[in-house]
Amino acid sequence: MAFVVTERCIRCKYTDCVEVCPVDCFYEGPNMLVINPEECIDCGLCEPECPVNAICAEDALPEKYHYALTLNTRLAQKWSQSNITKHKDPPQDADEWKDCLDKLHYLQEE
């Protein structure tokens, strides 16, 4: 089992979660972070650090986010050169996006 980043992270990309990860399993894309589920040790330290509640345990994912495990797996591989371990400032408009839902169509993979 692993923790998974959902689409709630898109266009927010707060990085509070990456500093507490003991195995550095976060990867950064243009406008979202993902967790590599093969590296995640299920410690749960990242979940409470996310200010937009974008991180869920795999077994607690709401049904509408079930696709997110596959998405995290695929994007962690795609973004394998973008491992992130330190806090960065979020995008300037992150606070405007933090309460928005259904943001998958805003995902930038490149």
Protein backbone atom coordinates (compact mmCIF):
# COMPACT_ATOMS: atom_id res chain seq x y z
CA MET A 1 0.00 0.00 0.00
CA ALA A 2 1.11 3.57 -0.63
CA PHE A 3 0.03 7.12 -0.30
CA VAL A 4 -1.25 8.83 -3.43
CA VAL A 5 -1.41 12.44 -4.60
CA THR A 6 -4.77 13.35 -6.12
CA GLU A 7 -5.71 16.04 -8.61
CA ARG A 8 -6.29 18.45 -5.73
CA CYS A 9 -2.53 19.17 -5.96
CA ILE A 10 -2.79 20.47 -9.52
CA ARG A 11 -1.94 24.18 -9.79
CA CYS A 12 -1.25 24.34 -6.04
CA LYS A 13 1.93 22.29 -5.75
CA TYR A 14 2.61 23.11 -2.12
CA THR A 15 5.73 21.20 -1.13
CA ASP A 16 5.29 20.92 2.63
CA CYS A 17 4.92 17.16 2.18
CA VAL A 18 8.29 16.50 0.56
CA GLU A 19 10.40 17.62 3.51
CA VAL A 20 8.88 15.04 5.87
CA CYS A 21 9.20 12.08 3.49
CA PRO A 22 11.91 9.76 4.86
CA VAL A 23 12.38 7.94 1.52
CA ASP A 24 12.21 10.90 -0.90
CA CYS A 25 9.47 9.37 -3.05
CA PHE A 26 7.98 12.63 -4.38
CA TYR A 27 8.41 13.73 -7.99
CA GLU A 28 7.65 17.13 -9.43
CA GLY A 29 5.90 17.92 -12.67
CA PRO A 30 5.06 21.29 -14.18
CA ASN A 31 2.01 21.85 -11.96
CA MET A 32 1.65 18.82 -9.67
CA LEU A 33 3.58 16.51 -7.37
CA VAL A 34 3.23 12.73 -7.37
CA ILE A 35 4.37 9.90 -5.11
CA ASN A 36 6.13 6.88 -6.55
CA PRO A 37 4.05 4.07 -4.96
CA GLU A 38 6.92 1.61 -5.38
CA GLU A 39 9.12 3.80 -3.18
CA CYS A 40 6.50 4.89 -0.62
CA ILE A 41 6.83 3.06 2.72
CA ASP A 42 3.33 3.97 3.89
CA CYS A 43 4.55 6.00 6.86
CA GLY A 44 1.79 8.60 6.48
CA LEU A 45 3.95 11.57 7.44
CA CYS A 46 3.12 13.46 4.26
CA GLU A 47 -0.67 13.32 4.50
CA PRO A 48 -1.18 15.82 7.36
CA GLU A 49 1.36 18.22 5.85
CA CYS A 50 -0.67 18.83 2.68
CA PRO A 51 -2.62 22.07 3.07
CA VAL A 52 -5.11 21.09 0.34
CA ASN A 53 -5.76 17.49 1.45
CA ALA A 54 -4.42 16.16 -1.84
CA ILE A 55 -2.72 13.10 -0.30
CA CYS A 56 -4.64 9.95 0.61
CA ALA A 57 -3.75 6.43 1.64
CA GLU A 58 -4.28 4.09 -1.29
CA ASP A 59 -6.89 2.07 0.63
CA ALA A 60 -8.77 5.25 1.63
CA LEU A 61 -8.95 6.88 -1.81
CA PRO A 62 -12.43 8.14 -2.59
CA GLU A 63 -13.86 6.30 -5.59
CA LYS A 64 -13.59 9.34 -7.82
CA TYR A 65 -9.81 9.33 -7.25
CA HIS A 66 -9.14 5.62 -7.85
CA TYR A 67 -7.37 6.51 -11.12
CA ALA A 68 -4.78 8.49 -9.10
CA LEU A 69 -2.67 5.46 -8.14
CA THR A 70 -2.08 4.64 -11.81
CA LEU A 71 -1.50 8.33 -12.54
CA ASN A 72 1.09 8.62 -9.75
CA THR A 73 2.87 5.47 -10.94
CA ARG A 74 3.02 6.65 -14.54
CA LEU A 75 4.05 10.23 -13.80
CA ALA A 76 6.67 9.24 -11.20
CA GLN A 77 8.33 7.20 -13.95
CA LYS A 78 7.92 9.99 -16.49
CA TRP A 79 9.28 12.61 -14.09
CA SER A 80 11.98 10.30 -12.66
CA GLN A 81 14.64 12.99 -13.11
CA SER A 82 12.59 15.45 -11.04
CA ASN A 83 12.79 13.96 -7.57
CA ILE A 84 11.96 16.68 -5.04
CA THR A 85 13.17 16.58 -1.44
CA LYS A 86 13.16 20.20 -0.29
CA HIS A 87 10.41 22.74 0.22
CA LYS A 88 9.91 25.26 -2.59
CA ASP A 89 7.64 28.26 -2.77
CA PRO A 90 4.29 27.37 -4.33
CA PRO A 91 3.09 29.02 -7.54
CA GLN A 92 2.01 32.62 -6.96
CA ASP A 93 -1.64 31.76 -7.64
CA ALA A 94 -1.69 28.56 -5.54
CA ASP A 95 -4.04 30.01 -2.94
CA GLU A 96 -6.55 30.81 -5.67
CA TRP A 97 -6.60 27.12 -6.69
CA LYS A 98 -6.44 25.36 -3.32
CA ASP A 99 -10.20 25.02 -2.85
CA CYS A 100 -10.97 24.11 -6.47
CA LEU A 101 -12.05 20.57 -7.29
CA ASP A 102 -12.08 18.61 -10.54
CA LYS A 103 -8.76 19.96 -11.80
CA LEU A 104 -7.52 16.95 -13.76
CA HIS A 105 -8.01 18.73 -17.09
CA TYR A 106 -5.40 21.30 -15.95
CA LEU A 107 -2.69 18.67 -15.49
CA GLN A 108 0.49 19.44 -17.43
CA GLU A 109 2.62 16.38 -18.06
CA GLU A 110 5.35 18.08 -20.06
